[in-house]
Protein backbone atom coordinates (compact mmCIF):
# COMPACT_ATOMS: atom_id res chain seq x y z
CA MET A 1 -27.10 38.54 -3.30
CA SER A 2 -27.68 39.53 0.29
CA PRO A 3 -24.74 39.95 2.69
CA ARG A 4 -24.27 37.75 5.74
CA THR A 5 -24.03 39.20 9.23
CA PRO A 6 -20.32 39.73 9.99
CA GLY A 7 -19.05 36.61 11.70
CA ALA A 8 -22.09 34.46 10.89
CA GLY A 9 -20.74 31.22 9.54
CA ALA A 10 -17.38 32.86 8.96
CA GLY A 11 -14.00 31.64 10.06
CA LYS A 12 -12.03 32.98 12.99
CA TRP A 13 -10.80 35.80 10.83
CA SER A 14 -14.21 37.53 10.78
CA GLU A 15 -13.26 40.37 13.16
CA ARG A 16 -10.73 41.56 10.58
CA PHE A 17 -13.55 42.87 8.37
CA ALA A 18 -16.14 45.55 8.97
CA GLY A 19 -18.25 44.44 6.03
CA ALA A 20 -20.22 41.21 5.78
CA THR A 21 -19.39 38.17 3.66
CA SER A 22 -21.83 37.84 0.78
CA GLU A 23 -23.95 34.71 0.70
CA LEU A 24 -22.50 33.96 -2.73
CA MET A 25 -18.93 34.13 -1.41
CA PHE A 26 -19.81 32.05 1.64
CA GLN A 27 -21.23 29.24 -0.48
CA PHE A 28 -18.32 29.48 -2.92
CA ASN A 29 -15.78 29.36 -0.09
CA SER A 30 -17.36 26.63 2.04
CA SER A 31 -16.01 23.07 1.89
CA LEU A 32 -18.17 21.56 4.65
CA SER A 33 -20.42 19.77 2.18
CA TYR A 34 -17.57 17.39 1.37
CA ASP A 35 -14.90 17.77 4.05
CA GLN A 36 -17.38 16.73 6.76
CA ARG A 37 -16.21 13.18 6.11
CA LEU A 38 -13.03 14.23 7.94
CA ALA A 39 -14.98 14.75 11.18
CA ALA A 40 -13.70 11.66 13.02
CA HIS A 41 -10.12 12.42 12.06
CA GLU A 42 -10.51 16.11 12.97
CA LEU A 43 -11.66 15.11 16.45
CA ARG A 44 -8.77 12.63 16.88
CA ALA A 45 -6.17 15.19 15.82
CA SER A 46 -7.70 17.89 18.03
CA ILE A 47 -7.66 15.61 21.08
CA ALA A 48 -3.96 14.88 20.55
CA HIS A 49 -3.21 18.57 20.05
CA ALA A 50 -5.13 19.58 23.20
CA ARG A 51 -3.33 16.98 25.30
CA MET A 52 0.01 18.25 24.03
CA LEU A 53 -0.94 21.87 24.84
CA GLY A 54 -1.80 20.85 28.40
CA ARG A 55 1.25 18.70 28.98
CA GLN A 56 3.56 21.42 27.67
CA GLY A 57 1.92 24.02 29.91
CA ILE A 58 0.89 26.12 26.91
CA ILE A 59 -2.68 26.14 28.21
CA PRO A 60 -3.81 25.21 31.76
CA LYS A 61 -4.11 21.45 32.29
CA LYS A 62 -7.68 21.84 33.53
CA ASP A 63 -8.61 23.58 30.26
CA ALA A 64 -6.88 20.86 28.23
CA ALA A 65 -8.80 18.21 30.16
CA LYS A 66 -12.07 20.08 29.60
CA ILE A 67 -11.33 20.37 25.87
CA VAL A 68 -10.52 16.66 25.59
CA ALA A 69 -13.71 15.74 27.44
CA GLY A 70 -15.72 17.99 25.12
CA LEU A 71 -14.12 16.49 22.03
CA ARG A 72 -14.83 12.99 23.36
CA LEU A 73 -18.46 13.99 23.72
CA LEU A 74 -18.48 15.18 20.11
CA GLU A 75 -16.98 11.84 19.07
CA ARG A 76 -19.82 9.99 20.76
CA LEU A 77 -22.41 12.28 19.22
CA ARG A 78 -20.89 11.81 15.76
CA ALA A 79 -20.83 8.02 16.16
CA ALA A 80 -24.50 8.11 17.16
CA GLY A 81 -25.37 10.35 14.20
CA ARG A 82 -26.32 13.21 16.51
CA LEU A 83 -23.59 15.69 15.59
CA ARG A 84 -25.17 18.06 13.08
CA LEU A 85 -22.97 18.57 10.06
CA ASP A 86 -25.53 20.25 7.79
CA VAL A 87 -24.95 23.71 9.23
CA PRO A 88 -23.68 26.96 7.67
CA GLU A 89 -19.98 26.73 8.50
CA GLU A 90 -16.92 27.21 6.36
CA ASP A 91 -15.38 23.78 6.98
CA ILE A 92 -15.27 20.84 9.37
CA HIS A 93 -12.45 22.41 11.39
CA THR A 94 -14.44 25.54 12.14
CA LEU A 95 -17.56 23.52 12.88
CA VAL A 96 -15.79 21.34 15.46
CA GLU A 97 -14.21 24.30 17.23
CA LYS A 98 -17.46 26.26 17.37
CA GLU A 99 -19.47 23.25 18.53
CA LEU A 100 -16.87 22.52 21.19
CA THR A 101 -16.92 26.11 22.46
CA ARG A 102 -20.72 26.14 22.48
CA ARG A 103 -20.70 23.10 24.76
CA ILE A 104 -17.77 23.76 27.12
CA GLY A 105 -17.47 27.54 27.04
CA ALA A 106 -14.36 29.72 26.89
CA ALA A 107 -11.91 26.81 27.23
CA GLY A 108 -12.88 25.73 23.73
CA LYS A 109 -11.39 28.93 22.33
CA LYS A 110 -7.94 27.78 23.48
CA LEU A 111 -7.89 24.67 21.28
CA HIS A 112 -6.53 26.53 18.26
CA THR A 113 -3.44 27.73 20.15
CA ALA A 114 -0.18 26.98 18.27
CA ARG A 115 -1.86 25.65 15.17
CA SER A 116 -3.36 26.99 11.95
CA ARG A 117 -5.95 25.55 9.66
CA ASN A 118 -3.06 25.26 7.19
CA ASP A 119 -1.24 22.56 9.16
CA GLN A 120 -4.47 21.28 10.70
CA VAL A 121 -6.16 20.40 7.41
CA ASN A 122 -3.06 18.68 6.09
CA ALA A 123 -2.74 16.58 9.24
CA VAL A 124 -6.40 15.56 9.23
CA THR A 125 -6.38 14.72 5.51
CA ARG A 126 -3.30 12.55 6.00
CA LEU A 127 -5.04 10.70 8.82
CA TRP A 128 -8.05 10.08 6.61
CA LEU A 129 -5.95 8.98 3.65
CA ARG A 130 -3.88 6.64 5.78
CA ASP A 131 -7.06 4.84 6.84
CA ALA A 132 -8.31 4.78 3.25
CA ILE A 133 -5.07 3.18 2.05
CA ASP A 134 -5.23 0.55 4.81
CA ALA A 135 -8.80 -0.34 3.84
CA GLN A 136 -7.85 -0.58 0.16
CA GLN A 137 -4.92 -2.84 0.92
CA ARG A 138 -7.36 -5.35 2.38
CA LEU A 139 -9.65 -5.02 -0.63
CA ILE A 140 -6.70 -5.71 -2.93
CA LEU A 141 -5.93 -8.85 -0.93
CA LEU A 142 -9.53 -10.04 -1.35
CA LEU A 143 -9.33 -9.55 -5.12
CA ARG A 144 -5.93 -11.25 -5.25
CA ARG A 145 -7.37 -14.21 -3.36
CA ALA A 146 -10.20 -14.53 -5.88
CA LEU A 147 -7.77 -14.37 -8.81
CA LEU A 148 -5.33 -16.83 -7.27
CA ARG A 149 -8.04 -19.36 -6.44
CA GLN A 150 -9.21 -19.24 -10.05
CA ALA A 151 -5.60 -19.45 -11.25
CA GLN A 152 -5.01 -22.50 -9.09
CA ALA A 153 -8.17 -24.19 -10.35
CA HIS A 154 -7.25 -23.45 -13.98
CA ALA A 155 -3.48 -23.93 -13.89
CA ALA A 156 -3.79 -26.46 -16.73
CA THR A 157 -6.79 -24.97 -18.58
CA VAL A 158 -5.47 -24.31 -22.07
CA MET A 159 -6.24 -21.02 -23.78
CA PRO A 160 -4.62 -18.87 -26.46
CA GLY A 161 -2.24 -16.13 -25.48
CA TYR A 162 -2.61 -13.03 -27.62
CA THR A 163 -0.50 -10.23 -28.98
CA HIS A 164 -2.28 -7.52 -30.99
CA LEU A 165 -5.43 -9.51 -30.01
CA GLN A 166 -4.27 -12.16 -32.50
CA VAL A 167 -3.61 -15.74 -31.42
CA ALA A 168 0.08 -15.86 -30.59
CA GLN A 169 1.14 -18.83 -28.42
CA PRO A 170 -0.68 -21.29 -26.19
CA THR A 171 -0.89 -20.51 -22.50
CA THR A 172 -3.21 -21.42 -19.64
CA LEU A 173 -6.01 -19.52 -17.98
CA GLY A 174 -4.20 -19.87 -14.66
CA HIS A 175 -1.12 -18.24 -16.17
CA HIS A 176 -3.25 -15.42 -17.56
CA LEU A 177 -5.01 -14.73 -14.26
CA HIS A 178 -1.74 -14.94 -12.32
CA ALA A 179 -0.49 -12.06 -14.47
CA TYR A 180 -3.22 -9.86 -12.97
CA ASP A 181 -2.24 -10.97 -9.49
CA CYS A 182 1.30 -9.80 -10.24
CA MET A 183 -0.08 -6.39 -11.25
CA LEU A 184 -2.12 -6.12 -8.06
CA ALA A 185 0.88 -7.09 -5.94
CA ARG A 186 2.75 -4.13 -7.42
CA ASP A 187 -0.27 -1.89 -6.82
CA ALA A 188 -0.25 -2.91 -3.16
CA ALA A 189 3.49 -2.24 -2.93
CA ARG A 190 3.03 1.22 -4.45
CA LEU A 191 0.29 2.02 -1.93
CA ALA A 192 2.48 0.82 0.94
CA ASP A 193 5.30 3.05 -0.26
CA CYS A 194 2.90 5.97 -0.66
CA ARG A 195 1.58 5.41 2.87
CA ARG A 196 5.07 5.99 4.30
CA ARG A 197 5.10 9.47 2.81
CA VAL A 198 1.50 10.12 3.83
CA ASN A 199 2.35 9.18 7.42
CA VAL A 200 4.32 12.33 8.25
CA LEU A 201 2.78 14.77 10.74
CA PRO A 202 2.56 18.42 9.56
CA LEU A 203 0.81 19.65 12.72
CA GLY A 204 3.08 22.14 14.45
CA ALA A 205 4.08 23.96 11.30
CA ALA A 206 1.22 26.40 12.06
CA ALA A 207 0.45 28.84 9.23
CA LEU A 208 3.85 28.45 7.54
CA ALA A 209 6.58 29.67 9.93
CA GLY A 210 6.13 27.47 12.97
CA THR A 211 5.23 28.88 16.39
CA GLY A 212 6.90 30.51 19.37
CA PHE A 213 5.15 28.15 21.77
CA ALA A 214 7.11 25.21 23.19
CA ILE A 215 5.12 22.58 21.31
CA ASP A 216 5.99 18.88 21.15
CA PRO A 217 4.94 17.60 17.70
CA ARG A 218 6.55 14.22 18.39
CA MET A 219 4.11 13.63 21.23
CA VAL A 220 1.22 14.32 18.84
CA ALA A 221 2.79 12.13 16.16
CA LYS A 222 3.15 9.22 18.58
CA GLU A 223 -0.45 9.49 19.76
CA LEU A 224 -1.79 9.64 16.22
CA GLY A 225 0.47 6.90 14.87
CA PHE A 226 2.58 9.05 12.53
CA ASP A 227 6.05 7.73 11.73
CA SER A 228 7.75 11.12 11.77
CA ILE A 229 7.17 14.88 11.79
CA PHE A 230 7.74 17.56 9.17
CA ALA A 231 11.24 18.79 8.36
CA ASN A 232 10.27 22.25 7.07
CA SER A 233 7.23 24.23 8.18
CA MET A 234 6.68 25.84 4.77
CA ASP A 235 6.75 22.49 3.00
CA ALA A 236 4.49 21.00 5.66
CA VAL A 237 1.59 23.31 4.86
CA ALA A 238 2.17 23.59 1.11
CA ASP A 239 2.74 19.89 0.39
CA ARG A 240 0.13 18.06 -1.66
CA ASP A 241 2.60 15.55 -3.09
CA TYR A 242 1.08 12.85 -0.91
CA ALA A 243 -2.39 13.41 -2.40
CA ILE A 244 -1.03 13.40 -5.94
CA GLU A 245 1.03 10.28 -5.24
CA TYR A 246 -2.00 8.49 -3.85
CA ALA A 247 -4.08 9.56 -6.85
CA HIS A 248 -1.40 8.14 -9.13
CA CYS A 249 -1.45 4.85 -7.21
CA ALA A 250 -5.23 4.71 -7.47
CA ALA A 251 -5.14 5.53 -11.18
CA GLN A 252 -2.56 2.81 -11.83
CA LEU A 253 -4.63 0.32 -9.83
CA LEU A 254 -7.74 1.18 -11.83
CA LEU A 255 -5.82 0.92 -15.10
CA HIS A 256 -5.08 -2.68 -14.15
CA LEU A 257 -8.70 -3.30 -13.20
CA SER A 258 -9.76 -1.67 -16.47
CA ARG A 259 -7.63 -4.14 -18.43
CA LEU A 260 -9.11 -7.03 -16.48
CA GLY A 261 -12.60 -5.68 -17.09
CA GLU A 262 -11.91 -5.34 -20.81
CA GLU A 263 -10.72 -8.94 -21.06
CA ILE A 264 -13.81 -10.21 -19.27
CA VAL A 265 -15.99 -8.18 -21.66
CA ILE A 266 -14.18 -9.69 -24.65
CA TRP A 267 -14.20 -13.22 -23.24
CA ALA A 268 -17.93 -12.98 -22.44
CA SER A 269 -18.84 -11.93 -26.00
CA GLN A 270 -20.41 -14.51 -28.31
CA PRO A 271 -17.44 -14.76 -30.74
CA PHE A 272 -15.24 -15.81 -27.80
CA GLY A 273 -17.59 -17.46 -25.30
CA PHE A 274 -14.76 -18.11 -22.86
CA VAL A 275 -16.57 -17.00 -19.72
CA ARG A 276 -19.99 -16.50 -18.20
CA VAL A 277 -20.39 -13.58 -15.83
CA ALA A 278 -22.72 -14.46 -12.96
CA ASP A 279 -26.25 -13.04 -12.87
CA ALA A 280 -25.28 -10.97 -9.82
CA PHE A 281 -22.81 -8.97 -11.93
CA SER A 282 -24.70 -8.84 -15.23
CA THR A 283 -27.61 -6.72 -16.47
CA GLY A 284 -30.22 -7.02 -19.19
CA SER A 285 -31.61 -4.68 -21.80
CA SER A 286 -34.70 -2.52 -21.66
CA ILE A 287 -35.55 -3.45 -25.27
CA MET A 288 -33.68 -6.67 -26.20
CA PRO A 289 -34.95 -9.61 -24.13
CA GLN A 290 -31.98 -11.87 -24.92
CA LYS A 291 -29.25 -9.53 -23.73
CA ARG A 292 -26.83 -10.45 -20.96
CA ASN A 293 -24.45 -7.56 -20.45
CA PRO A 294 -21.23 -7.79 -18.37
CA ASP A 295 -21.84 -4.34 -16.91
CA ALA A 296 -19.72 -4.81 -13.79
CA ALA A 297 -16.69 -5.52 -15.98
CA GLU A 298 -17.54 -2.58 -18.25
CA LEU A 299 -17.76 -0.26 -15.26
CA LEU A 300 -14.32 -1.38 -14.09
CA ARG A 301 -13.11 -0.20 -17.46
CA GLY A 302 -15.10 3.03 -17.42
CA LYS A 303 -14.32 4.14 -13.88
CA ALA A 304 -10.60 4.20 -14.60
CA GLY A 305 -11.35 7.46 -16.41
CA ARG A 306 -12.54 9.05 -13.17
CA ALA A 307 -9.33 8.11 -11.39
CA LEU A 308 -7.25 9.51 -14.24
CA GLY A 309 -9.31 12.71 -14.13
CA ALA A 310 -8.77 13.08 -10.38
CA LEU A 311 -5.03 12.70 -10.83
CA GLN A 312 -4.99 15.31 -13.58
CA ALA A 313 -7.08 17.69 -11.47
CA LEU A 314 -4.70 17.45 -8.50
CA MET A 315 -1.59 17.97 -10.59
CA THR A 316 -3.16 20.96 -12.34
CA MET A 317 -4.25 22.44 -8.99
CA VAL A 318 -0.68 22.45 -7.67
CA LYS A 319 0.96 23.55 -10.91
CA GLY A 320 2.18 27.15 -10.62
CA GLN A 321 1.29 27.64 -6.94
CA PRO A 322 3.78 29.75 -5.01
CA LEU A 323 4.69 28.73 -1.46
CA THR A 324 3.00 28.28 0.87
CA TYR A 325 -0.71 27.65 1.42
CA ASN A 326 -3.18 28.93 -1.17
CA LYS A 327 -6.94 28.51 -1.26
CA ASP A 328 -6.51 26.44 -4.41
CA ASN A 329 -5.51 23.61 -2.09
CA GLN A 330 -9.08 23.34 -0.85
CA GLU A 331 -9.76 21.75 -4.22
CA ASP A 332 -7.67 18.72 -3.32
CA LYS A 333 -10.43 17.16 -1.23
CA GLU A 334 -13.10 16.31 -3.77
CA ALA A 335 -10.59 14.86 -6.23
CA LEU A 336 -8.86 12.88 -3.49
CA PHE A 337 -12.12 11.63 -1.97
CA ASP A 338 -13.50 10.62 -5.37
CA SER A 339 -10.28 8.86 -6.31
CA ALA A 340 -10.32 6.80 -3.12
CA ALA A 341 -14.05 6.07 -3.30
CA THR A 342 -13.81 4.96 -6.93
CA ALA A 343 -10.87 2.66 -6.22
CA ALA A 344 -12.63 1.13 -3.21
CA SER A 345 -15.92 0.54 -5.04
CA CYS A 346 -14.17 -1.10 -8.00
CA LEU A 347 -12.21 -3.43 -5.72
CA GLN A 348 -15.35 -4.31 -3.76
CA VAL A 349 -17.14 -5.41 -6.92
CA ALA A 350 -14.18 -6.99 -8.70
CA ALA A 351 -13.40 -9.60 -6.04
CA PRO A 352 -16.80 -11.36 -5.91
CA MET A 353 -17.26 -10.98 -9.67
CA VAL A 354 -13.93 -12.73 -10.36
CA ALA A 355 -14.72 -15.42 -7.79
CA SER A 356 -18.02 -16.19 -9.55
CA LEU A 357 -16.69 -16.38 -13.13
CA GLU A 358 -17.48 -19.65 -14.94
CA PHE A 359 -15.04 -20.55 -17.73
CA ASP A 360 -15.66 -22.73 -20.78
CA ALA A 361 -12.48 -24.81 -21.00
CA GLY A 362 -13.59 -26.43 -24.26
CA ARG A 363 -14.05 -23.12 -26.07
CA MET A 364 -10.70 -21.88 -24.78
CA ARG A 365 -8.83 -24.99 -25.93
CA ALA A 366 -10.49 -24.86 -29.34
CA ALA A 367 -9.41 -21.22 -29.73
CA ALA A 368 -5.84 -22.13 -28.73
CA GLU A 369 -5.74 -24.71 -31.51
CA GLN A 370 -6.58 -22.07 -34.09
CA GLY A 371 -4.36 -19.32 -35.43
CA TYR A 372 -1.24 -21.53 -35.70
CA ALA A 373 -0.40 -20.95 -32.03
CA ALA A 374 2.21 -23.76 -32.09
CA ALA A 375 4.28 -22.16 -34.87
CA THR A 376 6.90 -20.75 -32.50
CA GLU A 377 7.37 -24.15 -30.86
CA LEU A 378 7.85 -25.66 -34.32
CA ALA A 379 10.60 -23.11 -35.04
CA ASP A 380 12.20 -23.86 -31.67
CA ALA A 381 12.18 -27.57 -32.51
CA LEU A 382 14.24 -26.78 -35.62
CA VAL A 383 16.66 -24.72 -33.53
CA ARG A 384 17.19 -27.75 -31.30
CA LYS A 385 18.25 -29.60 -34.48
CA GLY A 386 20.95 -27.01 -35.15
CA VAL A 387 19.05 -24.66 -37.50
CA SER A 388 19.54 -20.95 -36.83
CA PHE A 389 16.43 -19.31 -35.42
CA ARG A 390 16.05 -16.93 -38.38
CA SER A 391 16.20 -19.81 -40.86
CA ALA A 392 13.79 -21.83 -38.72
CA HIS A 393 11.44 -18.84 -38.55
CA ALA A 394 11.45 -18.57 -42.36
CA ARG A 395 10.77 -22.29 -42.86
CA VAL A 396 7.85 -22.35 -40.47
CA ALA A 397 6.44 -19.11 -41.89
CA ARG A 398 6.35 -20.76 -45.34
CA LEU A 399 4.68 -23.81 -43.84
CA VAL A 400 2.04 -21.64 -42.14
CA ARG A 401 1.39 -19.87 -45.43
CA LEU A 402 0.91 -23.23 -47.13
CA ALA A 403 -1.46 -24.48 -44.43
CA GLU A 404 -3.41 -21.23 -44.50
CA SER A 405 -3.81 -21.42 -48.29
CA ARG A 406 -5.41 -24.84 -47.86
CA GLY A 407 -7.52 -23.88 -44.87
CA LEU A 408 -5.72 -26.41 -42.66
CA ALA A 409 -4.12 -26.39 -39.23
CA LEU A 410 -0.42 -27.22 -39.12
CA ALA A 411 -1.18 -30.62 -37.61
CA GLU A 412 -3.57 -31.34 -40.51
CA LEU A 413 -0.94 -30.98 -43.22
CA PRO A 414 0.14 -34.28 -44.79
CA ALA A 415 2.87 -35.71 -42.59
CA ALA A 416 5.28 -36.31 -45.46
CA GLU A 417 4.92 -32.75 -46.65
CA ALA A 418 5.48 -31.32 -43.15
CA ARG A 419 8.56 -33.53 -42.64
CA ARG A 420 9.96 -32.49 -46.01
CA ALA A 421 9.47 -28.77 -45.26
CA THR A 422 10.92 -28.89 -41.77
CA GLY A 423 13.26 -31.83 -41.63
CA LEU A 424 11.62 -32.96 -38.39
CA THR A 425 10.58 -36.52 -37.64
CA ALA A 426 6.95 -37.46 -37.10
CA ALA A 427 7.55 -37.69 -33.34
CA GLU A 428 9.22 -34.28 -33.28
CA LEU A 429 6.33 -32.78 -35.23
CA ARG A 430 3.79 -34.26 -32.83
CA ALA A 431 5.69 -32.93 -29.82
CA ALA A 432 5.85 -29.45 -31.32
CA LEU A 433 2.21 -29.36 -32.40
CA THR A 434 0.55 -30.90 -29.32
CA ILE A 435 -0.40 -28.03 -27.03
CA ASP A 436 -0.27 -29.95 -23.76
CA ARG A 437 3.23 -31.20 -24.54
CA VAL A 438 4.31 -27.70 -25.55
CA LEU A 439 3.07 -26.25 -22.26
CA ALA A 440 4.56 -29.06 -20.19
CA GLY A 441 7.93 -28.36 -21.80
CA ARG A 442 8.04 -24.70 -20.83
CA ARG A 443 10.98 -24.48 -18.43
CA SER A 444 11.72 -20.77 -18.26
CA PRO A 445 10.78 -18.85 -15.07
CA GLY A 446 7.25 -17.50 -14.93
CA SER A 447 6.12 -19.59 -17.89
CA PRO A 448 2.67 -21.20 -18.39
CA GLN A 449 3.87 -24.71 -17.54
CA PRO A 450 0.85 -25.96 -15.52
CA LYS A 451 2.91 -27.28 -12.59
CA GLN A 452 4.80 -24.02 -12.39
CA VAL A 453 1.57 -21.98 -12.52
CA ALA A 454 -0.01 -24.12 -9.81
CA ARG A 455 3.04 -23.70 -7.54
CA ALA A 456 3.19 -19.93 -8.10
CA ALA A 457 -0.54 -19.49 -7.43
CA ALA A 458 -0.39 -21.66 -4.30
CA ARG A 459 2.65 -19.79 -2.97
CA GLU A 460 1.06 -16.38 -3.45
CA LEU A 461 -2.29 -17.58 -2.12
CA ARG A 462 -0.63 -18.67 1.12
CA ARG A 463 0.90 -15.21 1.49
CA VAL A 464 -2.42 -13.51 0.79
CA GLU A 465 -4.32 -15.71 3.24
CA LYS A 466 -1.72 -15.01 5.91
CA LEU A 467 -2.05 -11.25 5.39
CA LEU A 468 -5.84 -11.43 5.48
CA ALA A 469 -5.72 -13.38 8.75
CA ALA A 470 -3.32 -10.91 10.38
């Protein structure tokens, strides 16, 4: 492997070494191939830093103005796609500084005063992540809107509720979909909480021990929209908690989307037939002409594994690191970027897919009437007559066993036999075994009573629409 010319493509430390960096080491060490996506945020942070240096008199004001003008030029070039990023540089930070100096001359060499790449990279990554979180919050709102509209439309659509994937009790499709909205609301709250810890400026911590220059980090924080500045310079450069916390939030979000995807896959299968996934989110088979595969839903399930892997990678990277900055931390970027990109892509697909789902209310009701879903209500009816719940449970269990042995539903048992086994009147039996009456009688908070589901969905939908309009 041939050596590189000393200083060629190397960082600002190159004069420390007499020998050249090997090409192998340069490629191994470079992060530009993936951290170039931080370019816009690097330029923003550098502009704020240069303005602070000028205002504080750390560098001449004319040099600060020249640096800012040069960085503004680079912003315009980047926006126009004319800032070359496919060059042999160590990282985006080095590229920007070298490109700036090439264009404005010696003043560009003053930009790095009172900062280190250690605090610089953490500041820029936080800026990027803050924007990513904000974008994902909107995507979550779009998915919540799709779920809530479906929940509102199907507040009274009867379906079976399951435990252990066995028919358990009757519920409604609206109630089921509202459950996913509740999960997503918590995901959004977690991201908002994470964002508060992301939004702390580390710039000014320098390499690890601060600086002797009279810097004003609060000025930089205000310009860049950070809520606060670092409390400890060592922690500021070593901290990757914020990346791990975000990765956890993304993993939890995708676990919820994975569960939703799995249910859609199950519901779309022929034994269930509860839902039809639109053509736009389905695929066929290369060999079986009849196939209609819910691949979008399957990918929601599969991509959760990537988010979990990114979280594991970040935690393992930090494990055992001494303070402060170590090169290991360069490995945070790809995991963080992939985590955010995966979460965003899943949300982008999930919202229109959910909005386009077509449900078969007849199949769902028929399934709810199987599996003795009303058995619990029958036991509760006995409790209302003064029977202890355990005794009521035993009576109904025997009745279910009898019906099952005859291949009958509970409502199909001879009325006299059912009354004799339970002690309930014919009217009481009908009330307990009629699904719509069972659901209408649910009075507990958060239950599948159709009116309650419709109110909850409408209330949350108003909140979501208001946030989307803001």
